[in-house]
Amino acid sequence: MDLNQLKERMDILLASSVVSTKAADISTLAFMHLQSHLKKNAIDGAEMLFTHLPTALTRIEKGEQVEAPHPALLDEVKQSLEASVAIKEIDYVQQLWKNQLPQEEIDFLVIHYTNVLQINKGGN
């Protein structure tokens, strides 16, 4: 996925009122931040992450709750070498959001970001 593909995805989600403008804007900035970290224009396997992120931010705006991911899955992901980088990327999102994200959403984002980081660095 490159920036143009991301923008097309955000336009579709915005047009169907699935995400808010603020969530789409922050997700776009987060994508560009990840591109910079990875030093890649196209980020392989980023579609799920950059669908989850704007929808999660929109849910938070609406005050909706989300269940946490399965603890065993989260524990496994946190063992990855990429998990600490994932946390830094999520911290950047929180700076843009100007609020702490709920722990359940952070946990899901750790899973998604770690997966994308592994794919783009050749990890498993």
PDB file of N, CA and C in Angstrom:
ATOM      1  N   MET A   1       0.842  -1.162   0.000  1.00  0.00           N
ATOM      2  CA  MET A   1       0.000   0.000   0.000  1.00  0.00           C
ATOM      3  C   MET A   1       0.896   1.237   0.000  1.00  0.00           C
ATOM      4  N   ASP A   2       0.612   2.152  -0.925  1.00  0.00           N
ATOM      5  CA  ASP A   2       1.341   3.409  -0.941  1.00  0.00           C
ATOM      6  C   ASP A   2       0.407   4.532  -0.498  1.00  0.00           C
ATOM      7  N   LEU A   3       0.913   5.754  -0.465  1.00  0.00           N
ATOM      8  CA  LEU A   3       0.134   6.869   0.051  1.00  0.00           C
ATOM      9  C   LEU A   3      -1.127   7.116  -0.774  1.00  0.00           C
ATOM     10  N   ASN A   4      -1.051   6.982  -2.091  1.00  0.00           N
ATOM     11  CA  ASN A   4      -2.236   7.170  -2.930  1.00  0.00           C
ATOM     12  C   ASN A   4      -3.299   6.121  -2.627  1.00  0.00           C
ATOM     13  N   GLN A   5      -2.871   4.879  -2.440  1.00  0.00           N
ATOM     14  CA  GLN A   5      -3.824   3.818  -2.100  1.00  0.00           C
ATOM     15  C   GLN A   5      -4.449   4.072  -0.732  1.00  0.00           C
ATOM     16  N   LEU A   6      -3.650   4.557   0.206  1.00  0.00           N
ATOM     17  CA  LEU A   6      -4.185   4.883   1.525  1.00  0.00           C
ATOM     18  C   LEU A   6      -5.236   5.981   1.413  1.00  0.00           C
ATOM     19  N   LYS A   7      -4.924   7.022   0.650  1.00  0.00           N
ATOM     20  CA  LYS A   7      -5.876   8.128   0.495  1.00  0.00           C
ATOM     21  C   LYS A   7      -7.174   7.649  -0.147  1.00  0.00           C
ATOM     22  N   GLU A   8      -7.079   6.763  -1.121  1.00  0.00           N
ATOM     23  CA  GLU A   8      -8.283   6.181  -1.729  1.00  0.00           C
ATOM     24  C   GLU A   8      -9.099   5.429  -0.679  1.00  0.00           C
ATOM     25  N   ARG A   9      -8.420   4.654   0.178  1.00  0.00           N
ATOM     26  CA  ARG A   9      -9.081   3.903   1.243  1.00  0.00           C
ATOM     27  C   ARG A   9      -9.775   4.868   2.214  1.00  0.00           C
ATOM     28  N   MET A  10      -9.073   5.934   2.601  1.00  0.00           N
ATOM     29  CA  MET A  10      -9.650   6.913   3.531  1.00  0.00           C
ATOM     30  C   MET A  10     -10.858   7.594   2.903  1.00  0.00           C
ATOM     31  N   ASP A  11     -10.768   7.927   1.604  1.00  0.00           N
ATOM     32  CA  ASP A  11     -11.899   8.558   0.910  1.00  0.00           C
ATOM     33  C   ASP A  11     -13.132   7.662   0.923  1.00  0.00           C
ATOM     34  N   ILE A  12     -12.933   6.370   0.705  1.00  0.00           N
ATOM     35  CA  ILE A  12     -14.052   5.419   0.726  1.00  0.00           C
ATOM     36  C   ILE A  12     -14.653   5.343   2.125  1.00  0.00           C
ATOM     37  N   LEU A  13     -13.799   5.229   3.145  1.00  0.00           N
ATOM     38  CA  LEU A  13     -14.280   5.139   4.519  1.00  0.00           C
ATOM     39  C   LEU A  13     -14.981   6.426   4.953  1.00  0.00           C
ATOM     40  N   LEU A  14     -14.466   7.577   4.501  1.00  0.00           N
ATOM     41  CA  LEU A  14     -15.104   8.859   4.812  1.00  0.00           C
ATOM     42  C   LEU A  14     -16.446   8.990   4.104  1.00  0.00           C
ATOM     43  N   ALA A  15     -16.490   8.636   2.828  1.00  0.00           N
ATOM     44  CA  ALA A  15     -17.720   8.765   2.043  1.00  0.00           C
ATOM     45  C   ALA A  15     -18.846   7.896   2.595  1.00  0.00           C
ATOM     46  N   SER A  16     -18.481   6.762   3.186  1.00  0.00           N
ATOM     47  CA  SER A  16     -19.496   5.864   3.741  1.00  0.00           C
ATOM     48  C   SER A  16     -19.722   6.123   5.233  1.00  0.00           C
ATOM     49  N   SER A  17     -19.135   7.198   5.762  1.00  0.00           N
ATOM     50  CA  SER A  17     -19.291   7.606   7.164  1.00  0.00           C
ATOM     51  C   SER A  17     -18.832   6.531   8.156  1.00  0.00           C
ATOM     52  N   VAL A  18     -17.846   5.744   7.757  1.00  0.00           N
ATOM     53  CA  VAL A  18     -17.284   4.725   8.635  1.00  0.00           C
ATOM     54  C   VAL A  18     -16.248   5.348   9.569  1.00  0.00           C
ATOM     55  N   VAL A  19     -15.556   6.391   9.083  1.00  0.00           N
ATOM     56  CA  VAL A  19     -14.533   7.061   9.885  1.00  0.00           C
ATOM     57  C   VAL A  19     -14.760   8.567   9.870  1.00  0.00           C
ATOM     58  N   SER A  20     -14.217   9.229  10.880  1.00  0.00           N
ATOM     59  CA  SER A  20     -14.290  10.690  10.951  1.00  0.00           C
ATOM     60  C   SER A  20     -13.126  11.309  10.180  1.00  0.00           C
ATOM     61  N   THR A  21     -13.264  12.571   9.853  1.00  0.00           N
ATOM     62  CA  THR A  21     -12.196  13.288   9.164  1.00  0.00           C
ATOM     63  C   THR A  21     -10.938  13.320  10.019  1.00  0.00           C
ATOM     64  N   LYS A  22     -11.094  13.583  11.316  1.00  0.00           N
ATOM     65  CA  LYS A  22      -9.942  13.622  12.222  1.00  0.00           C
ATOM     66  C   LYS A  22      -9.222  12.274  12.230  1.00  0.00           C
ATOM     67  N   ALA A  23      -9.969  11.180  12.295  1.00  0.00           N
ATOM     68  CA  ALA A  23      -9.376   9.845  12.313  1.00  0.00           C
ATOM     69  C   ALA A  23      -8.645   9.554  11.001  1.00  0.00           C
ATOM     70  N   ALA A  24      -9.229   9.955   9.880  1.00  0.00           N
ATOM     71  CA  ALA A  24      -8.590   9.745   8.580  1.00  0.00           C
ATOM     72  C   ALA A  24      -7.309  10.563   8.467  1.00  0.00           C
ATOM     73  N   ASP A  25      -7.345  11.802   8.933  1.00  0.00           N
ATOM     74  CA  ASP A  25      -6.164  12.661   8.866  1.00  0.00           C
ATOM     75  C   ASP A  25      -5.030  12.106   9.723  1.00  0.00           C
ATOM     76  N   ILE A  26      -5.346  11.691  10.934  1.00  0.00           N
ATOM     77  CA  ILE A  26      -4.323  11.139  11.825  1.00  0.00           C
ATOM     78  C   ILE A  26      -3.766   9.841  11.251  1.00  0.00           C
ATOM     79  N   SER A  27      -4.617   9.025  10.688  1.00  0.00           N
ATOM     80  CA  SER A  27      -4.166   7.765  10.091  1.00  0.00           C
ATOM     81  C   SER A  27      -3.233   8.018   8.910  1.00  0.00           C
ATOM     82  N   THR A  28      -3.514   9.042   8.135  1.00  0.00           N
ATOM     83  CA  THR A  28      -2.654   9.392   7.007  1.00  0.00           C
ATOM     84  C   THR A  28      -1.285   9.844   7.510  1.00  0.00           C
ATOM     85  N   LEU A  29      -1.264  10.672   8.543  1.00  0.00           N
ATOM     86  CA  LEU A  29       0.010  11.105   9.124  1.00  0.00           C
ATOM     87  C   LEU A  29       0.771   9.921   9.730  1.00  0.00           C
ATOM     88  N   ALA A  30       0.047   9.014  10.365  1.00  0.00           N
ATOM     89  CA  ALA A  30       0.677   7.819  10.945  1.00  0.00           C
ATOM     90  C   ALA A  30       1.278   6.944   9.844  1.00  0.00           C
ATOM     91  N   PHE A  31       0.598   6.845   8.722  1.00  0.00           N
ATOM     92  CA  PHE A  31       1.121   6.078   7.587  1.00  0.00           C
ATOM     93  C   PHE A  31       2.423   6.694   7.087  1.00  0.00           C
ATOM     94  N   MET A  32       2.434   8.016   6.929  1.00  0.00           N
ATOM     95  CA  MET A  32       3.645   8.693   6.448  1.00  0.00           C
ATOM     96  C   MET A  32       4.787   8.551   7.458  1.00  0.00           C
ATOM     97  N   HIS A  33       4.457   8.557   8.738  1.00  0.00           N
ATOM     98  CA  HIS A  33       5.465   8.366   9.782  1.00  0.00           C
ATOM     99  C   HIS A  33       6.068   6.963   9.669  1.00  0.00           C
ATOM    100  N   LEU A  34       5.219   5.965   9.448  1.00  0.00           N
ATOM    101  CA  LEU A  34       5.699   4.593   9.289  1.00  0.00           C
ATOM    102  C   LEU A  34       6.524   4.452   8.015  1.00  0.00           C
ATOM    103  N   GLN A  35       6.090   5.108   6.941  1.00  0.00           N
ATOM    104  CA  GLN A  35       6.886   5.102   5.706  1.00  0.00           C
ATOM    105  C   GLN A  35       8.296   5.624   5.977  1.00  0.00           C
ATOM    106  N   SER A  36       8.368   6.703   6.719  1.00  0.00           N
ATOM    107  CA  SER A  36       9.661   7.309   7.040  1.00  0.00           C
ATOM    108  C   SER A  36      10.522   6.350   7.860  1.00  0.00           C
ATOM    109  N   HIS A  37       9.911   5.711   8.852  1.00  0.00           N
ATOM    110  CA  HIS A  37      10.661   4.754   9.679  1.00  0.00           C
ATOM    111  C   HIS A  37      11.185   3.595   8.831  1.00  0.00           C
ATOM    112  N   LEU A  38      10.323   3.069   7.977  1.00  0.00           N
ATOM    113  CA  LEU A  38      10.694   1.914   7.159  1.00  0.00           C
ATOM    114  C   LEU A  38      11.552   2.293   5.949  1.00  0.00           C
ATOM    115  N   LYS A  39      11.560   3.584   5.635  1.00  0.00           N
ATOM    116  CA  LYS A  39      12.263   4.069   4.438  1.00  0.00           C
ATOM    117  C   LYS A  39      11.726   3.377   3.189  1.00  0.00           C
ATOM    118  N   LYS A  40      10.384   3.302   3.130  1.00  0.00           N
ATOM    119  CA  LYS A  40       9.701   2.667   2.003  1.00  0.00           C
ATOM    120  C   LYS A  40       8.517   3.527   1.587  1.00  0.00           C
ATOM    121  N   ASN A  41       8.288   3.634   0.280  1.00  0.00           N
ATOM    122  CA  ASN A  41       7.095   4.333  -0.204  1.00  0.00           C
ATOM    123  C   ASN A  41       5.859   3.456  -0.097  1.00  0.00           C
ATOM    124  N   ALA A  42       6.023   2.175  -0.399  1.00  0.00           N
ATOM    125  CA  ALA A  42       4.909   1.222  -0.318  1.00  0.00           C
ATOM    126  C   ALA A  42       5.154   0.303   0.877  1.00  0.00           C
ATOM    127  N   ILE A  43       4.142   0.174   1.710  1.00  0.00           N
ATOM    128  CA  ILE A  43       4.251  -0.661   2.906  1.00  0.00           C
ATOM    129  C   ILE A  43       3.444  -1.934   2.658  1.00  0.00           C
ATOM    130  N   ASP A  44       4.136  -3.050   2.619  1.00  0.00           N
ATOM    131  CA  ASP A  44       3.479  -4.332   2.379  1.00  0.00           C
ATOM    132  C   ASP A  44       2.618  -4.720   3.586  1.00  0.00           C
ATOM    133  N   GLY A  45       1.428  -5.245   3.297  1.00  0.00           N
ATOM    134  CA  GLY A  45       0.563  -5.775   4.345  1.00  0.00           C
ATOM    135  C   GLY A  45      -0.045  -4.740   5.273  1.00  0.00           C
ATOM    136  N   ALA A  46      -0.118  -3.484   4.847  1.00  0.00           N
ATOM    137  CA  ALA A  46      -0.594  -2.404   5.728  1.00  0.00           C
ATOM    138  C   ALA A  46      -2.102  -2.180   5.677  1.00  0.00           C
ATOM    139  N   GLU A  47      -2.807  -2.880   4.820  1.00  0.00           N
ATOM    140  CA  GLU A  47      -4.231  -2.614   4.629  1.00  0.00           C
ATOM    141  C   GLU A  47      -5.044  -2.809   5.912  1.00  0.00           C
ATOM    142  N   MET A  48      -4.808  -3.904   6.620  1.00  0.00           N
ATOM    143  CA  MET A  48      -5.570  -4.183   7.837  1.00  0.00           C
ATOM    144  C   MET A  48      -5.299  -3.122   8.904  1.00  0.00           C
ATOM    145  N   LEU A  49      -4.030  -2.792   9.108  1.00  0.00           N
ATOM    146  CA  LEU A  49      -3.657  -1.784  10.096  1.00  0.00           C
ATOM    147  C   LEU A  49      -4.323  -0.452   9.781  1.00  0.00           C
ATOM    148  N   PHE A  50      -4.252  -0.035   8.526  1.00  0.00           N
ATOM    149  CA  PHE A  50      -4.761   1.286   8.180  1.00  0.00           C
ATOM    150  C   PHE A  50      -6.243   1.279   7.802  1.00  0.00           C
ATOM    151  N   THR A  51      -6.913   0.198   8.108  1.00  0.00           N
ATOM    152  CA  THR A  51      -8.370   0.184   8.192  1.00  0.00           C
ATOM    153  C   THR A  51      -8.746   0.199   9.671  1.00  0.00           C
ATOM    154  N   HIS A  52      -8.022  -0.597  10.466  1.00  0.00           N
ATOM    155  CA  HIS A  52      -8.307  -0.666  11.903  1.00  0.00           C
ATOM    156  C   HIS A  52      -8.065   0.681  12.583  1.00  0.00           C
ATOM    157  N   LEU A  53      -6.948   1.330  12.280  1.00  0.00           N
ATOM    158  CA  LEU A  53      -6.587   2.559  12.976  1.00  0.00           C
ATOM    159  C   LEU A  53      -7.659   3.644  12.852  1.00  0.00           C
ATOM    160  N   PRO A  54      -8.082   4.031  11.642  1.00  0.00           N
ATOM    161  CA  PRO A  54      -9.087   5.106  11.585  1.00  0.00           C
ATOM    162  C   PRO A  54     -10.443   4.690  12.165  1.00  0.00           C
ATOM    163  N   THR A  55     -10.803   3.414  12.017  1.00  0.00           N
ATOM    164  CA  THR A  55     -12.078   2.981  12.606  1.00  0.00           C
ATOM    165  C   THR A  55     -11.982   2.958  14.125  1.00  0.00           C
ATOM    166  N   ALA A  56     -10.819   2.577  14.664  1.00  0.00           N
ATOM    167  CA  ALA A  56     -10.629   2.586  16.116  1.00  0.00           C
ATOM    168  C   ALA A  56     -10.711   4.009  16.655  1.00  0.00           C
ATOM    169  N   LEU A  57     -10.041   4.942  16.002  1.00  0.00           N
ATOM    170  CA  LEU A  57     -10.092   6.333  16.449  1.00  0.00           C
ATOM    171  C   LEU A  57     -11.514   6.882  16.393  1.00  0.00           C
ATOM    172  N   THR A  58     -12.241   6.507  15.364  1.00  0.00           N
ATOM    173  CA  THR A  58     -13.635   6.952  15.241  1.00  0.00           C
ATOM    174  C   THR A  58     -14.492   6.357  16.355  1.00  0.00           C
ATOM    175  N   ARG A  59     -14.265   5.077  16.674  1.00  0.00           N
ATOM    176  CA  ARG A  59     -15.006   4.453  17.792  1.00  0.00           C
ATOM    177  C   ARG A  59     -14.721   5.191  19.100  1.00  0.00           C
ATOM    178  N   ILE A  60     -13.463   5.545  19.309  1.00  0.00           N
ATOM    179  CA  ILE A  60     -13.088   6.255  20.533  1.00  0.00           C
ATOM    180  C   ILE A  60     -13.792   7.610  20.587  1.00  0.00           C
ATOM    181  N   GLU A  61     -13.817   8.312  19.456  1.00  0.00           N
ATOM    182  CA  GLU A  61     -14.516   9.602  19.393  1.00  0.00           C
ATOM    183  C   GLU A  61     -15.982   9.463  19.787  1.00  0.00           C
ATOM    184  N   LYS A  62     -16.587   8.358  19.393  1.00  0.00           N
ATOM    185  CA  LYS A  62     -18.006   8.120  19.669  1.00  0.00           C
ATOM    186  C   LYS A  62     -18.244   7.532  21.054  1.00  0.00           C
ATOM    187  N   GLY A  63     -17.155   7.253  21.777  1.00  0.00           N
ATOM    188  CA  GLY A  63     -17.287   6.695  23.116  1.00  0.00           C
ATOM    189  C   GLY A  63     -17.616   5.219  23.146  1.00  0.00           C
ATOM    190  N   GLU A  64     -17.401   4.528  22.027  1.00  0.00           N
ATOM    191  CA  GLU A  64     -17.686   3.095  21.974  1.00  0.00           C
ATOM    192  C   GLU A  64     -16.552   2.313  22.618  1.00  0.00           C
ATOM    193  N   GLN A  65     -16.875   1.163  23.166  1.00  0.00           N
ATOM    194  CA  GLN A  65     -15.900   0.300  23.820  1.00  0.00           C
ATOM    195  C   GLN A  65     -15.501  -0.827  22.871  1.00  0.00           C
ATOM    196  N   VAL A  66     -14.335  -1.405  23.143  1.00  0.00           N
ATOM    197  CA  VAL A  66     -13.880  -2.554  22.369  1.00  0.00           C
ATOM    198  C   VAL A  66     -13.324  -3.579  23.355  1.00  0.00           C
ATOM    199  N   GLU A  67     -13.491  -4.833  23.003  1.00  0.00           N
ATOM    200  CA  GLU A  67     -12.913  -5.893  23.838  1.00  0.00           C
ATOM    201  C   GLU A  67     -11.436  -6.022  23.518  1.00  0.00           C
ATOM    202  N   ALA A  68     -10.681  -6.483  24.486  1.00  0.00           N
ATOM    203  CA  ALA A  68      -9.245  -6.677  24.311  1.00  0.00           C
ATOM    204  C   ALA A  68      -8.971  -7.911  23.457  1.00  0.00           C
ATOM    205  N   PRO A  69      -7.822  -7.932  22.778  1.00  0.00           N
ATOM    206  CA  PRO A  69      -7.447  -9.150  22.042  1.00  0.00           C
ATOM    207  C   PRO A  69      -7.148 -10.275  23.020  1.00  0.00           C
ATOM    208  N   HIS A  70      -7.106 -11.486  22.501  1.00  0.00           N
ATOM    209  CA  HIS A  70      -6.817 -12.639  23.340  1.00  0.00           C
ATOM    210  C   HIS A  70      -5.438 -12.462  23.982  1.00  0.00           C
ATOM    211  N   PRO A  71      -5.342 -12.640  25.307  1.00  0.00           N
ATOM    212  CA  PRO A  71      -4.068 -12.417  26.007  1.00  0.00           C
ATOM    213  C   PRO A  71      -2.900 -13.239  25.459  1.00  0.00           C
ATOM    214  N   ALA A  72      -3.145 -14.474  25.057  1.00  0.00           N
ATOM    215  CA  ALA A  72      -2.060 -15.318  24.541  1.00  0.00           C
ATOM    216  C   ALA A  72      -1.481 -14.737  23.252  1.00  0.00           C
ATOM    217  N   LEU A  73      -2.361 -14.222  22.387  1.00  0.00           N
ATOM    218  CA  LEU A  73      -1.904 -13.601  21.137  1.00  0.00           C
ATOM    219  C   LEU A  73      -1.079 -12.357  21.441  1.00  0.00           C
ATOM    220  N   LEU A  74      -1.579 -11.537  22.344  1.00  0.00           N
ATOM    221  CA  LEU A  74      -0.857 -10.320  22.706  1.00  0.00           C
ATOM    222  C   LEU A  74       0.504 -10.646  23.315  1.00  0.00           C
ATOM    223  N   ASP A  75       0.543 -11.640  24.190  1.00  0.00           N
ATOM    224  CA  ASP A  75       1.817 -12.044  24.804  1.00  0.00           C
ATOM    225  C   ASP A  75       2.828 -12.501  23.755  1.00  0.00           C
ATOM    226  N   GLU A  76       2.336 -13.251  22.785  1.00  0.00           N
ATOM    227  CA  GLU A  76       3.219 -13.740  21.718  1.00  0.00           C
ATOM    228  C   GLU A  76       3.775 -12.571  20.901  1.00  0.00           C
ATOM    229  N   VAL A  77       2.908 -11.638  20.557  1.00  0.00           N
ATOM    230  CA  VAL A  77       3.327 -10.485  19.760  1.00  0.00           C
ATOM    231  C   VAL A  77       4.343  -9.640  20.521  1.00  0.00           C
ATOM    232  N   LYS A  78       4.128  -9.476  21.810  1.00  0.00           N
ATOM    233  CA  LYS A  78       5.029  -8.640  22.615  1.00  0.00           C
ATOM    234  C   LYS A  78       6.430  -9.246  22.732  1.00  0.00           C
ATOM    235  N   GLN A  79       6.589 -10.527  22.393  1.00  0.00           N
ATOM    236  CA  GLN A  79       7.912 -11.164  22.390  1.00  0.00           C
ATOM    237  C   GLN A  79       8.715 -10.785  21.151  1.00  0.00           C
ATOM    238  N   SER A  80       8.041 -10.245  20.152  1.00  0.00           N
ATOM    239  CA  SER A  80       8.686  -9.898  18.898  1.00  0.00           C
ATOM    240  C   SER A  80       9.677  -8.756  19.089  1.00  0.00           C
ATOM    241  N   LEU A  81      10.724  -8.783  18.298  1.00  0.00           N
ATOM    242  CA  LEU A  81      11.701  -7.703  18.308  1.00  0.00           C
ATOM    243  C   LEU A  81      11.084  -6.390  17.822  1.00  0.00           C
ATOM    244  N   GLU A  82      10.028  -6.489  17.047  1.00  0.00           N
ATOM    245  CA  GLU A  82       9.401  -5.293  16.468  1.00  0.00           C
ATOM    246  C   GLU A  82       8.389  -4.639  17.403  1.00  0.00           C
ATOM    247  N   ALA A  83       8.035  -5.283  18.506  1.00  0.00           N
ATOM    248  CA  ALA A  83       6.997  -4.753  19.396  1.00  0.00           C
ATOM    249  C   ALA A  83       7.356  -3.380  19.962  1.00  0.00           C
ATOM    250  N   SER A  84       8.623  -3.175  20.291  1.00  0.00           N
ATOM    251  CA  SER A  84       9.016  -1.875  20.856  1.00  0.00           C
ATOM    252  C   SER A  84       8.890  -0.765  19.810  1.00  0.00           C
ATOM    253  N   VAL A  85       9.166  -1.074  18.564  1.00  0.00           N
ATOM    254  CA  VAL A  85       8.980  -0.096  17.488  1.00  0.00           C
ATOM    255  C   VAL A  85       7.494   0.177  17.303  1.00  0.00           C
ATOM    256  N   ALA A  86       6.688  -0.871  17.395  1.00  0.00           N
ATOM    257  CA  ALA A  86       5.237  -0.706  17.289  1.00  0.00           C
ATOM    258  C   ALA A  86       4.727   0.256  18.356  1.00  0.00           C
ATOM    259  N   ILE A  87       5.212   0.116  19.569  1.00  0.00           N
ATOM    260  CA  ILE A  87       4.801   1.000  20.666  1.00  0.00           C
ATOM    261  C   ILE A  87       5.179   2.446  20.348  1.00  0.00           C
ATOM    262  N   LYS A  88       6.350   2.664  19.773  1.00  0.00           N
ATOM    263  CA  LYS A  88       6.768   4.025  19.410  1.00  0.00           C
ATOM    264  C   LYS A  88       5.856   4.610  18.340  1.00  0.00           C
ATOM    265  N   GLU A  89       5.437   3.785  17.388  1.00  0.00           N
ATOM    266  CA  GLU A  89       4.518   4.263  16.352  1.00  0.00           C
ATOM    267  C   GLU A  89       3.158   4.616  16.970  1.00  0.00           C
ATOM    268  N   ILE A  90       2.712   3.812  17.914  1.00  0.00           N
ATOM    269  CA  ILE A  90       1.437   4.077  18.597  1.00  0.00           C
ATOM    270  C   ILE A  90       1.556   5.340  19.453  1.00  0.00           C
ATOM    271  N   ASP A  91       2.697   5.545  20.077  1.00  0.00           N
ATOM    272  CA  ASP A  91       2.924   6.782  20.834  1.00  0.00           C
ATOM    273  C   ASP A  91       2.788   8.000  19.927  1.00  0.00           C
ATOM    274  N   TYR A  92       3.295   7.889  18.708  1.00  0.00           N
ATOM    275  CA  TYR A  92       3.158   8.983  17.741  1.00  0.00           C
ATOM    276  C   TYR A  92       1.684   9.250  17.439  1.00  0.00           C
ATOM    277  N   VAL A  93       0.907   8.197  17.251  1.00  0.00           N
ATOM    278  CA  VAL A  93      -0.534   8.349  17.011  1.00  0.00           C
ATOM    279  C   VAL A  93      -1.179   9.065  18.198  1.00  0.00           C
ATOM    280  N   GLN A  94      -0.806   8.675  19.405  1.00  0.00           N
ATOM    281  CA  GLN A  94      -1.389   9.295  20.595  1.00  0.00           C
ATOM    282  C   GLN A  94      -1.012  10.778  20.695  1.00  0.00           C
ATOM    283  N   GLN A  95       0.193  11.129  20.263  1.00  0.00           N
ATOM    284  CA  GLN A  95       0.581  12.548  20.243  1.00  0.00           C
ATOM    285  C   GLN A  95      -0.312  13.329  19.287  1.00  0.00           C
ATOM    286  N   LEU A  96      -0.566  12.759  18.124  1.00  0.00           N
ATOM    287  CA  LEU A  96      -1.442  13.410  17.153  1.00  0.00           C
ATOM    288  C   LEU A  96      -2.880  13.488  17.680  1.00  0.00           C
ATOM    289  N   TRP A  97      -3.303  12.437  18.338  1.00  0.00           N
ATOM    290  CA  TRP A  97      -4.662  12.331  18.873  1.00  0.00           C
ATOM    291  C   TRP A  97      -4.843  13.265  20.075  1.00  0.00           C
ATOM    292  N   LYS A  98      -3.735  13.555  20.734  1.00  0.00           N
ATOM    293  CA  LYS A  98      -3.694  14.425  21.913  1.00  0.00           C
ATOM    294  C   LYS A  98      -4.411  13.822  23.124  1.00  0.00           C
ATOM    295  N   ASN A  99      -4.533  12.525  23.130  1.00  0.00           N
ATOM    296  CA  ASN A  99      -5.136  11.797  24.243  1.00  0.00           C
ATOM    297  C   ASN A  99      -4.558  10.397  24.301  1.00  0.00           C
ATOM    298  N   GLN A 100      -4.639   9.809  25.470  1.00  0.00           N
ATOM    299  CA  GLN A 100      -4.255   8.405  25.652  1.00  0.00           C
ATOM    300  C   GLN A 100      -5.337   7.527  25.021  1.00  0.00           C
ATOM    301  N   LEU A 101      -4.917   6.562  24.242  1.00  0.00           N
ATOM    302  CA  LEU A 101      -5.868   5.600  23.681  1.00  0.00           C
ATOM    303  C   LEU A 101      -6.206   4.566  24.755  1.00  0.00           C
ATOM    304  N   PRO A 102      -7.406   3.989  24.696  1.00  0.00           N
ATOM    305  CA  PRO A 102      -7.736   2.910  25.634  1.00  0.00           C
ATOM    306  C   PRO A 102      -6.764   1.739  25.459  1.00  0.00           C
ATOM    307  N   GLN A 103      -6.440   1.078  26.546  1.00  0.00           N
ATOM    308  CA  GLN A 103      -5.466  -0.016  26.507  1.00  0.00           C
ATOM    309  C   GLN A 103      -5.869  -1.106  25.516  1.00  0.00           C
ATOM    310  N   GLU A 104      -7.156  -1.390  25.408  1.00  0.00           N
ATOM    311  CA  GLU A 104      -7.619  -2.430  24.470  1.00  0.00           C
ATOM    312  C   GLU A 104      -7.251  -2.066  23.034  1.00  0.00           C
ATOM    313  N   GLU A 105      -7.415  -0.788  22.686  1.00  0.00           N
ATOM    314  CA  GLU A 105      -7.064  -0.359  21.329  1.00  0.00           C
ATOM    315  C   GLU A 105      -5.552  -0.384  21.124  1.00  0.00           C
ATOM    316  N   ILE A 106      -4.807   0.028  22.141  1.00  0.00           N
ATOM    317  CA  ILE A 106      -3.347  -0.039  22.056  1.00  0.00           C
ATOM    318  C   ILE A 106      -2.916  -1.481  21.805  1.00  0.00           C
ATOM    319  N   ASP A 107      -3.522  -2.415  22.521  1.00  0.00           N
ATOM    320  CA  ASP A 107      -3.160  -3.825  22.363  1.00  0.00           C
ATOM    321  C   ASP A 107      -3.414  -4.311  20.941  1.00  0.00           C
ATOM    322  N   PHE A 108      -4.571  -3.952  20.367  1.00  0.00           N
ATOM    323  CA  PHE A 108      -4.845  -4.342  18.985  1.00  0.00           C
ATOM    324  C   PHE A 108      -3.858  -3.679  18.028  1.00  0.00           C
ATOM    325  N   LEU A 109      -3.549  -2.412  18.278  1.00  0.00           N
ATOM    326  CA  LEU A 109      -2.607  -1.715  17.401  1.00  0.00           C
ATOM    327  C   LEU A 109      -1.202  -2.295  17.500  1.00  0.00           C
ATOM    328  N   VAL A 110      -0.807  -2.741  18.685  1.00  0.00           N
ATOM    329  CA  VAL A 110       0.499  -3.408  18.830  1.00  0.00           C
ATOM    330  C   VAL A 110       0.541  -4.636  17.922  1.00  0.00           C
ATOM    331  N   ILE A 111      -0.525  -5.398  17.911  1.00  0.00           N
ATOM    332  CA  ILE A 111      -0.590  -6.591  17.061  1.00  0.00           C
ATOM    333  C   ILE A 111      -0.480  -6.202  15.587  1.00  0.00           C
ATOM    334  N   HIS A 112      -1.295  -5.238  15.158  1.00  0.00           N
ATOM    335  CA  HIS A 112      -1.282  -4.832  13.746  1.00  0.00           C
ATOM    336  C   HIS A 112       0.056  -4.221  13.334  1.00  0.00           C
ATOM    337  N   TYR A 113       0.554  -3.278  14.125  1.00  0.00           N
ATOM    338  CA  TYR A 113       1.832  -2.638  13.781  1.00  0.00           C
ATOM    339  C   TYR A 113       2.972  -3.658  13.758  1.00  0.00           C
ATOM    340  N   THR A 114       3.034  -4.528  14.751  1.00  0.00           N
ATOM    341  CA  THR A 114       4.106  -5.523  14.805  1.00  0.00           C
ATOM    342  C   THR A 114       4.078  -6.403  13.566  1.00  0.00           C
ATOM    343  N   ASN A 115       2.900  -6.817  13.168  1.00  0.00           N
ATOM    344  CA  ASN A 115       2.759  -7.636  11.965  1.00  0.00           C
ATOM    345  C   ASN A 115       3.297  -6.897  10.739  1.00  0.00           C
ATOM    346  N   VAL A 116       2.903  -5.644  10.571  1.00  0.00           N
ATOM    347  CA  VAL A 116       3.360  -4.866   9.418  1.00  0.00           C
ATOM    348  C   VAL A 116       4.874  -4.658   9.471  1.00  0.00           C
ATOM    349  N   LEU A 117       5.391  -4.367  10.636  1.00  0.00           N
ATOM    350  CA  LEU A 117       6.844  -4.185  10.781  1.00  0.00           C
ATOM    351  C   LEU A 117       7.598  -5.465  10.439  1.00  0.00           C
ATOM    352  N   GLN A 118       7.085  -6.610  10.877  1.00  0.00           N
ATOM    353  CA  GLN A 118       7.726  -7.887  10.554  1.00  0.00           C
ATOM    354  C   GLN A 118       7.700  -8.165   9.066  1.00  0.00           C
ATOM    355  N   ILE A 119       6.568  -7.941   8.445  1.00  0.00           N
ATOM    356  CA  ILE A 119       6.440  -8.171   7.001  1.00  0.00           C
ATOM    357  C   ILE A 119       7.442  -7.312   6.226  1.00  0.00           C
ATOM    358  N   ASN A 120       7.589  -6.070   6.647  1.00  0.00           N
ATOM    359  CA  ASN A 120       8.425  -5.128   5.906  1.00  0.00           C
ATOM    360  C   ASN A 120       9.893  -5.188   6.282  1.00  0.00           C
ATOM    361  N   LYS A 121      10.229  -5.961   7.278  1.00  0.00           N
ATOM    362  CA  LYS A 121      11.638  -6.169   7.626  1.00  0.00           C
ATOM    363  C   LYS A 121      12.041  -7.614   7.403  1.00  0.00           C
ATOM    364  N   GLY A 122      11.129  -8.414   6.867  1.00  0.00           N
ATOM    365  CA  GLY A 122      11.443  -9.790   6.559  1.00  0.00           C
ATOM    366  C   GLY A 122      11.344 -10.727   7.748  1.00  0.00           C
ATOM    367  N   GLY A 123      10.762 -10.273   8.845  1.00  0.00           N
ATOM    368  CA  GLY A 123      10.630 -11.127  10.029  1.00  0.00           C
ATOM    369  C   GLY A 123       9.431 -12.041   9.943  1.00  0.00           C
ATOM    370  N   ASN A 124       9.381 -12.976  10.882  1.00  0.00           N
ATOM    371  CA  ASN A 124       8.242 -13.908  10.925  1.00  0.00           C
ATOM    372  C   ASN A 124       7.564 -13.828  12.269  1.00  0.00           C
TER     373      ASN A 124
END
